[in-house]
Every structure is written in structure tokens, then in C-alpha cells.
Amino acid sequence: MSGILMMAGCLAGVWSADTRAAASEPGYVDSHLHYVDFVQRSEGLEALVEAMDRAGVAQAQLMGLAVTRKWSTQFQHPPRALEGDTPALYWYSATDYRLAAELSRASPEVRERFYPFISGFNPTDRHASERIARLLSLYPGLWRGIGEILTRHDELSRLTEGETARADHPALMAVYALAGRRHLPVLLHSNVAPVDAAEPRYLPELERAIAANPDTTFIWAHAGTSEVLNQRHGKLAWLNATVARLLERYPNLYVDLSWSVLHPYLLDGRGEARETWVALVERYPTRFMLGSDLVGHFGPLGRVMDGFRPFLDELDGSTSRAVAQDNFRRLMDQASRRGPATP
């Protein structure tokens, strides 16, 4: 009898340990995370790692922000929001150098939790691919992707000085070609529709970019949506079918479900998962990923990622884990296994 009790106790200990391990296993890989905000400020790596631990985020894509706010003489105080009638943003390359410097000072254990992306270049400058290549040479082995490339981004586009970026700009075509040769996935923001019309006016630009670069992996940020589009047009009834068509036609396309996709697309007004989007993700279970899209301030990380739970819980178990964790990690691992990159 004592032997049976001892065995039961051992089994209970094993079960308890396994349960704790399962409970403590990180539940997310964040596929869209900015280290800095729109004035290039950040709470820092230590705060980010602490927020990731609290949120159950094992690893994260990490990038700077390609633009920064200008504090001009027309403002007595620093502007805080993307507002006003004059351009107040400009392209800012130092964001990448800061990220590289801070990661280089971190411990190997911390660095292993991040997939750094190059983001600090002007997507309308035909020198962009050359400058990205220089960064790759300066920090060999550090960079794992390119982006978020900001094109067709409603208020942000309007407020950014210079030529408006578009997904098929000649400067970006050279960047995509470089990304394909170097096996670097590209995170691309390209709104599917303009602010003034609920129609997919910008979709041809995106398709031309993807079709012309079949060896380049594209991650479409927010499935082409934005908060401004949501406010102006509500739920675009044709978006689900559009995403489905693109995924079927372009095997090099993936979709980032961060920020403005959760509401009103993945979840309805009652906070319940929409069947059409559940069915779409189940149809392409390896092609979707989750991101927080936080910018330099990391306290809300757990709340943002857990906001996807009502949707994830309606997916098949393996699909739910793939979307929450495995798809982005697998994409990064596949890129690193594709062999030596060519110049």
C-alpha cells in the first residue's frame, strides 16, 4: 500500500510539474512590434523583455519606426498626435542604428528572443536598397527581415514630407529584389483602400509588387486595413474574399492580423469571432500571424495579445497555435535555412 501511495505521489509530482510547464509555456510570438514611438522614444529593452514575460510572448519581431515627428516653430509644444494640415513627419534612418546598438549590448539570451527588421529608409528613394545592403554589411547576421515599409497609410502618408510612397514604387522594387536574394521577409504596410472611398483602389499596387517578386516573402500588415479606414468605412464587406483570392494566387504572401484587423473583422460587435474569418484562417492555417503593433511603450502587450483569444479559441487547436506562435517563427526559420544569401 505504501508503495502504491509513493508511486501515486511521484505521478502527482510529475503531473504537477508538467501542468506548470504547460501553463508557463509562452503563448505568443509577436510578429509586429516597434521598439520606438513616433518621436523615437522607447521604454527600453529591459521594459520590453519584462512585458513579454508577463504577456507570455516568447519571441518578437522588432523594428524601429521609419518616420519621426518634426517639432517645427509653428508649435509651442511638441506635437503628440498625427494631426494638422502641414507635413510633420520625415524619414529617419537612425532608428535602425539605435536598434542595432541596443541589441548588440544585450545578452545573448535577450538577443535570441528578437527577430530584428530594417525599417529606417525612405521608400521613395532609389538609394534605399543600397543603404539596406550597407546595414546588412555593418551588422552581419543581425537582421532577419525588412519593414515595416510604410506606404499608403492614410494620415501618416498625408503628414510625411516628400513623395507619397506606394507598394510598387521603383525604389521598393529594388528593395524587394534585394530581400529575395538575401532571404529576408518583407513586412509591408499598404492600405487596400483610400480614406475617401470604400473600394480597393490601392490593391493593384500591392499585387504588382508581389507578382513581380515571386522569390520574396511578403507579410501584408493589417491585411490592408487601418483605424482611419475602419472609422470612415466600417467593415469592408469585400476584404475577406480579397484576402482569400490573394492567398490563393500568391504563395509568397502572408497576412499580419495586428492592430485594425481585430475589430471589426476578426470579432463582431459582441466580441465574438466572425465565422467567415475563422473559415478563412482555417483554409490557410500557415499564412496568418499575430502582432501587437505597439510603438515604444510595452505595458499593454499582454492585453493586446490576449485580445485575440476569442478568435483563437474558435480555431482548431493546431491552427490556433500556428497563428499565435508557430507561423511567424517558422517563416523566420525557413528564411535562415534557404542557404547563403547572395549580394
Protein backbone atom coordinates (compact mmCIF):
# COMPACT_ATOMS: atom_id res chain seq x y z
CA MET A 1 0.00 0.00 0.00
CA SER A 2 2.80 2.40 0.88
CA GLY A 3 4.46 1.60 -2.47
CA ILE A 4 1.25 2.46 -4.29
CA LEU A 5 0.95 5.71 -2.39
CA MET A 6 4.57 6.52 -3.12
CA MET A 7 4.02 5.84 -6.84
CA ALA A 8 0.89 7.95 -6.82
CA GLY A 9 2.79 10.75 -5.16
CA CYS A 10 5.53 10.55 -7.78
CA LEU A 11 2.99 10.56 -10.59
CA ALA A 12 1.23 13.51 -8.99
CA GLY A 13 4.55 15.33 -8.81
CA VAL A 14 5.26 14.60 -12.47
CA TRP A 15 1.74 15.67 -13.47
CA SER A 16 2.04 18.82 -11.41
CA ALA A 17 5.39 19.70 -12.99
CA ASP A 18 4.06 19.04 -16.50
CA THR A 19 0.98 21.13 -15.77
CA ARG A 20 3.07 24.01 -14.52
CA ALA A 21 5.34 23.76 -17.55
CA ALA A 22 2.34 23.82 -19.88
CA ALA A 23 0.79 26.71 -18.00
CA SER A 24 4.00 28.72 -18.10
CA GLU A 25 4.74 27.99 -21.78
CA PRO A 26 4.67 31.29 -23.68
CA GLY A 27 1.53 31.61 -25.72
CA TYR A 28 2.57 34.07 -28.43
CA VAL A 29 5.21 35.13 -30.90
CA ASP A 30 4.66 38.80 -31.69
CA SER A 31 5.06 39.39 -35.44
CA HIS A 32 4.77 43.20 -35.41
CA LEU A 33 6.47 45.28 -32.70
CA HIS A 34 8.08 48.73 -32.87
CA TYR A 35 10.91 49.47 -30.46
CA VAL A 36 10.28 53.23 -30.62
CA ASP A 37 7.34 55.60 -30.96
CA PHE A 38 6.76 58.47 -33.40
CA VAL A 39 9.33 60.68 -31.69
CA GLN A 40 11.81 57.76 -31.49
CA ARG A 41 11.41 57.27 -27.75
CA SER A 42 11.33 53.86 -26.11
CA GLU A 43 10.91 52.36 -22.67
CA GLY A 44 13.93 50.21 -23.47
CA LEU A 45 14.84 46.56 -23.85
CA GLU A 46 14.55 45.73 -20.16
CA ALA A 47 10.96 47.00 -20.02
CA LEU A 48 10.17 45.17 -23.25
CA VAL A 49 11.50 41.84 -22.01
CA GLU A 50 9.60 42.23 -18.74
CA ALA A 51 6.39 42.97 -20.66
CA MET A 52 6.98 39.95 -22.90
CA ASP A 53 7.45 37.70 -19.87
CA ARG A 54 4.23 38.95 -18.29
CA ALA A 55 2.33 38.54 -21.56
CA GLY A 56 3.63 35.09 -22.41
CA VAL A 57 5.39 36.31 -25.55
CA ALA A 58 8.34 34.03 -26.22
CA GLN A 59 9.83 35.92 -29.15
CA ALA A 60 9.07 39.00 -31.20
CA GLN A 61 9.81 40.68 -34.47
CA LEU A 62 11.40 44.01 -33.54
CA MET A 63 11.90 47.16 -35.60
CA GLY A 64 12.25 50.88 -35.23
CA LEU A 65 9.91 53.34 -36.91
CA ALA A 66 10.73 54.69 -40.36
CA VAL A 67 9.38 58.18 -39.62
CA THR A 68 9.68 60.66 -36.79
CA ARG A 69 7.73 63.76 -35.80
CA LYS A 70 9.15 67.16 -36.62
CA TRP A 71 8.81 69.85 -33.93
CA SER A 72 8.59 72.98 -36.01
CA THR A 73 8.34 76.62 -34.94
CA GLN A 74 4.58 76.64 -35.55
CA PHE A 75 4.12 74.55 -32.39
CA GLN A 76 4.90 75.91 -28.94
CA HIS A 77 4.84 72.38 -27.53
CA PRO A 78 5.93 69.12 -29.15
CA PRO A 79 3.11 67.64 -31.24
CA ARG A 80 1.85 64.36 -29.86
CA ALA A 81 -0.67 63.08 -32.39
CA LEU A 82 -0.75 62.60 -36.15
CA GLU A 83 -2.72 65.76 -36.78
CA GLY A 84 -2.51 69.10 -38.55
CA ASP A 85 -2.54 70.28 -42.15
CA THR A 86 1.20 70.54 -42.80
CA PRO A 87 3.72 67.70 -43.17
CA ALA A 88 5.03 66.87 -39.73
CA LEU A 89 6.87 63.58 -40.30
CA TYR A 90 10.12 62.77 -42.06
CA TRP A 91 12.04 59.59 -42.89
CA TYR A 92 14.53 58.72 -40.15
CA SER A 93 17.36 56.23 -40.77
CA ALA A 94 18.91 56.44 -37.28
CA THR A 95 16.11 54.23 -35.96
CA ASP A 96 17.92 51.12 -37.29
CA TYR A 97 21.31 52.10 -35.91
CA ARG A 98 19.84 52.65 -32.47
CA LEU A 99 18.13 49.26 -32.52
CA ALA A 100 21.31 47.54 -33.67
CA ALA A 101 23.37 49.27 -30.96
CA GLU A 102 20.97 48.37 -28.16
CA LEU A 103 20.65 44.74 -29.26
CA SER A 104 24.45 44.45 -29.54
CA ARG A 105 24.73 45.45 -25.87
CA ALA A 106 22.12 42.92 -24.75
CA SER A 107 22.92 39.42 -23.51
CA PRO A 108 22.77 36.53 -26.00
CA GLU A 109 19.66 35.24 -24.20
CA VAL A 110 17.87 38.53 -24.79
CA ARG A 111 19.02 38.84 -28.41
CA GLU A 112 17.74 35.36 -29.19
CA ARG A 113 14.21 36.50 -28.36
CA PHE A 114 14.09 39.00 -31.21
CA TYR A 115 13.95 39.00 -34.99
CA PRO A 116 15.23 42.49 -35.90
CA PHE A 117 13.96 44.10 -39.12
CA ILE A 118 15.43 47.07 -41.04
CA SER A 119 12.86 49.84 -41.32
CA GLY A 120 14.60 53.24 -41.41
CA PHE A 121 14.68 54.19 -45.07
CA ASN A 122 12.69 56.37 -47.45
CA PRO A 123 10.65 54.00 -49.68
CA THR A 124 10.62 56.57 -52.49
CA ASP A 125 14.42 56.95 -52.57
CA ARG A 126 16.11 54.79 -55.20
CA HIS A 127 19.19 54.66 -52.96
CA ALA A 128 17.15 52.65 -50.42
CA SER A 129 18.34 49.19 -51.47
CA GLU A 130 21.97 50.36 -51.36
CA ARG A 131 21.52 51.71 -47.84
CA ILE A 132 19.86 48.49 -46.69
CA ALA A 133 22.75 46.49 -48.14
CA ARG A 134 25.16 48.70 -46.19
CA LEU A 135 23.31 47.98 -42.94
CA LEU A 136 23.44 44.26 -43.67
CA SER A 137 27.20 44.53 -44.08
CA LEU A 138 27.70 46.66 -40.97
CA TYR A 139 25.78 44.23 -38.75
CA PRO A 140 26.27 40.78 -40.32
CA GLY A 141 23.89 38.14 -39.04
CA LEU A 142 21.72 40.58 -37.08
CA TRP A 143 18.90 41.48 -39.45
CA ARG A 144 16.14 38.96 -40.14
CA GLY A 145 13.80 40.98 -42.34
CA ILE A 146 12.87 44.36 -43.84
CA GLY A 147 10.00 46.55 -42.71
CA GLU A 148 7.58 47.79 -41.66
CA ILE A 149 7.69 49.56 -45.01
CA LEU A 150 5.15 52.37 -44.80
CA THR A 151 3.13 53.01 -47.96
CA ARG A 152 -0.49 54.19 -48.44
CA HIS A 153 -1.06 54.84 -44.75
CA ASP A 154 -3.90 57.43 -44.69
CA GLU A 155 -2.99 60.23 -42.22
CA LEU A 156 0.61 59.10 -41.91
CA SER A 157 1.11 59.37 -45.68
CA ARG A 158 -0.51 62.79 -45.74
CA LEU A 159 1.72 64.11 -42.97
CA THR A 160 5.02 62.72 -44.26
CA GLU A 161 7.22 65.12 -46.18
CA GLY A 162 8.04 64.36 -49.81
CA GLU A 163 6.71 61.96 -52.40
CA THR A 164 3.91 59.59 -51.36
CA ALA A 165 5.14 56.01 -51.07
CA ARG A 166 3.35 53.22 -52.89
CA ALA A 167 3.90 49.46 -52.85
CA ASP A 168 5.09 49.25 -56.46
CA HIS A 169 7.41 52.27 -56.39
CA PRO A 170 10.65 51.64 -58.38
CA ALA A 171 12.70 52.23 -55.23
CA LEU A 172 10.82 49.47 -53.45
CA MET A 173 11.05 47.08 -56.37
CA ALA A 174 14.82 47.17 -55.88
CA VAL A 175 14.35 46.62 -52.13
CA TYR A 176 12.14 43.58 -52.75
CA ALA A 177 14.70 42.12 -55.14
CA LEU A 178 17.42 42.57 -52.52
CA ALA A 179 15.18 40.97 -49.91
CA GLY A 180 14.62 37.96 -52.17
CA ARG A 181 18.34 37.49 -52.77
CA ARG A 182 19.15 37.85 -49.06
CA HIS A 183 16.23 35.66 -47.89
CA LEU A 184 14.73 38.49 -45.82
CA PRO A 185 10.92 38.58 -45.41
CA VAL A 186 9.34 41.96 -46.08
CA LEU A 187 6.69 43.46 -43.78
CA LEU A 188 4.71 45.85 -45.97
CA HIS A 189 2.02 48.33 -44.95
CA SER A 190 -0.18 49.17 -47.92
CA ASN A 191 -3.75 50.24 -47.27
CA VAL A 192 -6.17 48.41 -49.51
CA ALA A 193 -8.44 51.45 -49.90
CA PRO A 194 -8.11 55.23 -49.72
CA VAL A 195 -9.66 57.30 -46.97
CA ASP A 196 -12.24 58.85 -49.31
CA ALA A 197 -13.61 55.66 -50.92
CA ALA A 198 -14.51 52.16 -49.72
CA GLU A 199 -13.03 50.48 -52.78
CA PRO A 200 -9.74 48.57 -53.28
CA ARG A 201 -8.07 51.36 -55.21
CA TYR A 202 -4.56 50.60 -53.93
CA LEU A 203 -4.77 46.82 -54.38
CA PRO A 204 -3.22 46.80 -57.90
CA GLU A 205 -0.06 48.42 -56.49
CA LEU A 206 0.29 45.65 -53.92
CA GLU A 207 -0.36 42.91 -56.46
CA ARG A 208 2.18 44.28 -58.91
CA ALA A 209 4.81 44.24 -56.17
CA ILE A 210 4.07 40.67 -55.08
CA ALA A 211 3.70 39.26 -58.60
CA ALA A 212 6.97 40.82 -59.80
CA ASN A 213 8.93 39.35 -56.87
CA PRO A 214 7.94 35.68 -56.51
CA ASP A 215 11.14 34.85 -54.61
CA THR A 216 10.42 37.46 -51.95
CA THR A 217 8.27 36.67 -48.92
CA PHE A 218 5.72 39.41 -48.20
CA ILE A 219 3.84 39.92 -44.94
CA TRP A 220 0.87 42.24 -45.54
CA ALA A 221 0.49 44.38 -42.44
CA HIS A 222 -3.04 44.55 -41.03
CA ALA A 223 -4.47 42.91 -44.19
CA GLY A 224 -4.51 46.38 -45.72
CA THR A 225 -6.72 47.95 -43.05
CA SER A 226 -6.19 50.87 -40.68
CA GLU A 227 -8.08 52.53 -37.86
CA VAL A 228 -8.86 55.51 -40.09
CA LEU A 229 -10.35 53.20 -42.74
CA ASN A 230 -12.39 51.48 -40.04
CA GLN A 231 -13.68 54.80 -38.76
CA ARG A 232 -14.55 56.11 -42.23
CA HIS A 233 -15.94 52.98 -43.88
CA GLY A 234 -16.64 50.44 -41.15
CA LYS A 235 -16.16 46.79 -42.12
CA LEU A 236 -15.24 46.43 -45.79
CA ALA A 237 -17.55 43.65 -46.94
CA TRP A 238 -15.22 42.55 -49.74
CA LEU A 239 -12.00 42.29 -47.69
CA ASN A 240 -12.37 38.65 -46.68
CA ALA A 241 -12.82 37.49 -50.28
CA THR A 242 -9.97 39.74 -51.40
CA VAL A 243 -7.55 38.27 -48.87
CA ALA A 244 -8.65 34.77 -49.86
CA ARG A 245 -8.01 35.47 -53.54
CA LEU A 246 -4.57 36.93 -52.85
CA LEU A 247 -3.51 33.99 -50.69
CA GLU A 248 -4.62 31.54 -53.36
CA ARG A 249 -2.82 33.41 -56.16
CA TYR A 250 0.44 34.33 -54.37
CA PRO A 251 2.16 31.61 -52.33
CA ASN A 252 4.76 34.17 -51.20
CA LEU A 253 2.15 36.24 -49.35
CA TYR A 254 1.38 36.09 -45.61
CA VAL A 255 -1.01 38.22 -43.56
CA ASP A 256 -0.36 40.05 -40.30
CA LEU A 257 -3.55 40.27 -38.22
CA SER A 258 -2.38 43.08 -35.94
CA TRP A 259 -3.95 46.41 -34.96
CA SER A 260 -7.02 47.32 -37.00
CA VAL A 261 -7.92 43.76 -38.10
CA LEU A 262 -9.22 42.55 -34.75
CA HIS A 263 -12.19 44.94 -34.79
CA PRO A 264 -14.36 44.87 -36.84
CA TYR A 265 -13.04 41.92 -38.89
CA LEU A 266 -11.98 39.03 -36.62
CA LEU A 267 -14.51 39.93 -33.91
CA ASP A 268 -18.03 41.31 -34.23
CA GLY A 269 -19.66 43.97 -32.08
CA ARG A 270 -20.34 41.41 -29.32
CA GLY A 271 -16.69 40.39 -29.21
CA GLU A 272 -17.38 37.03 -30.86
CA ALA A 273 -15.35 35.53 -33.68
CA ARG A 274 -16.72 36.05 -37.18
CA GLU A 275 -17.28 32.72 -38.93
CA THR A 276 -16.07 33.99 -42.31
CA TRP A 277 -12.67 34.90 -40.89
CA VAL A 278 -12.41 31.70 -38.87
CA ALA A 279 -13.08 29.76 -42.07
CA LEU A 280 -10.50 31.78 -44.00
CA VAL A 281 -7.76 31.22 -41.43
CA GLU A 282 -8.61 27.51 -41.25
CA ARG A 283 -8.36 27.38 -45.05
CA TYR A 284 -4.84 28.86 -44.91
CA PRO A 285 -3.62 27.86 -41.44
CA THR A 286 0.07 28.57 -42.10
CA ARG A 287 -0.35 32.02 -43.66
CA PHE A 288 -1.58 34.21 -40.78
CA MET A 289 0.23 35.61 -37.73
CA LEU A 290 -0.45 37.91 -34.78
CA GLY A 291 1.24 41.12 -33.79
CA SER A 292 0.76 43.78 -31.12
CA ASP A 293 1.89 46.80 -33.22
CA LEU A 294 2.95 48.58 -30.03
CA VAL A 295 5.19 51.60 -30.53
CA GLY A 296 7.89 52.08 -27.92
CA HIS A 297 5.63 51.59 -24.87
CA PHE A 298 5.10 47.98 -23.86
CA GLY A 299 2.81 47.87 -20.83
CA PRO A 300 -0.32 46.92 -22.85
CA LEU A 301 1.38 43.95 -24.54
CA GLY A 302 -0.49 41.25 -22.63
CA ARG A 303 -3.87 42.94 -23.02
CA VAL A 304 -3.35 43.44 -26.75
CA MET A 305 -2.26 39.87 -27.43
CA ASP A 306 -4.95 38.37 -25.20
CA GLY A 307 -7.49 40.42 -27.14
CA PHE A 308 -7.13 37.83 -29.92
CA ARG A 309 -8.17 34.98 -27.60
CA PRO A 310 -11.89 34.94 -28.53
CA PHE A 311 -10.84 34.45 -32.14
CA LEU A 312 -8.06 31.95 -31.45
CA ASP A 313 -10.37 29.87 -29.28
CA GLU A 314 -12.71 29.33 -32.25
CA LEU A 315 -9.93 27.89 -34.38
CA ASP A 316 -8.84 24.28 -34.45
CA GLY A 317 -6.22 23.73 -31.74
CA SER A 318 -3.31 23.24 -34.13
CA THR A 319 -4.36 26.25 -36.21
CA SER A 320 -4.71 28.41 -33.13
CA ARG A 321 -1.17 27.58 -32.01
CA ALA A 322 0.14 28.09 -35.54
CA VAL A 323 -1.35 31.58 -35.78
CA ALA A 324 -0.40 32.60 -32.25
CA GLN A 325 3.13 31.22 -32.25
CA ASP A 326 4.41 28.94 -34.95
CA ASN A 327 3.75 30.62 -38.30
CA PHE A 328 5.99 33.64 -37.82
CA ARG A 329 8.71 31.59 -36.14
CA ARG A 330 8.56 29.03 -38.95
CA LEU A 331 8.80 31.78 -41.55
CA MET A 332 11.95 33.12 -39.88
CA ASP A 333 13.48 29.66 -39.61
CA GLN A 334 12.72 28.86 -43.24
CA ALA A 335 14.37 32.08 -44.36
CA SER A 336 17.54 31.30 -42.41
CA ARG A 337 17.68 27.75 -43.85
CA ARG A 338 17.41 28.79 -47.50
CA GLY A 339 21.16 28.80 -47.87
CA PRO A 340 23.78 31.52 -48.11
CA ALA A 341 22.42 34.88 -49.19
CA THR A 342 23.72 36.41 -52.41
CA PRO A 343 24.81 40.07 -52.62
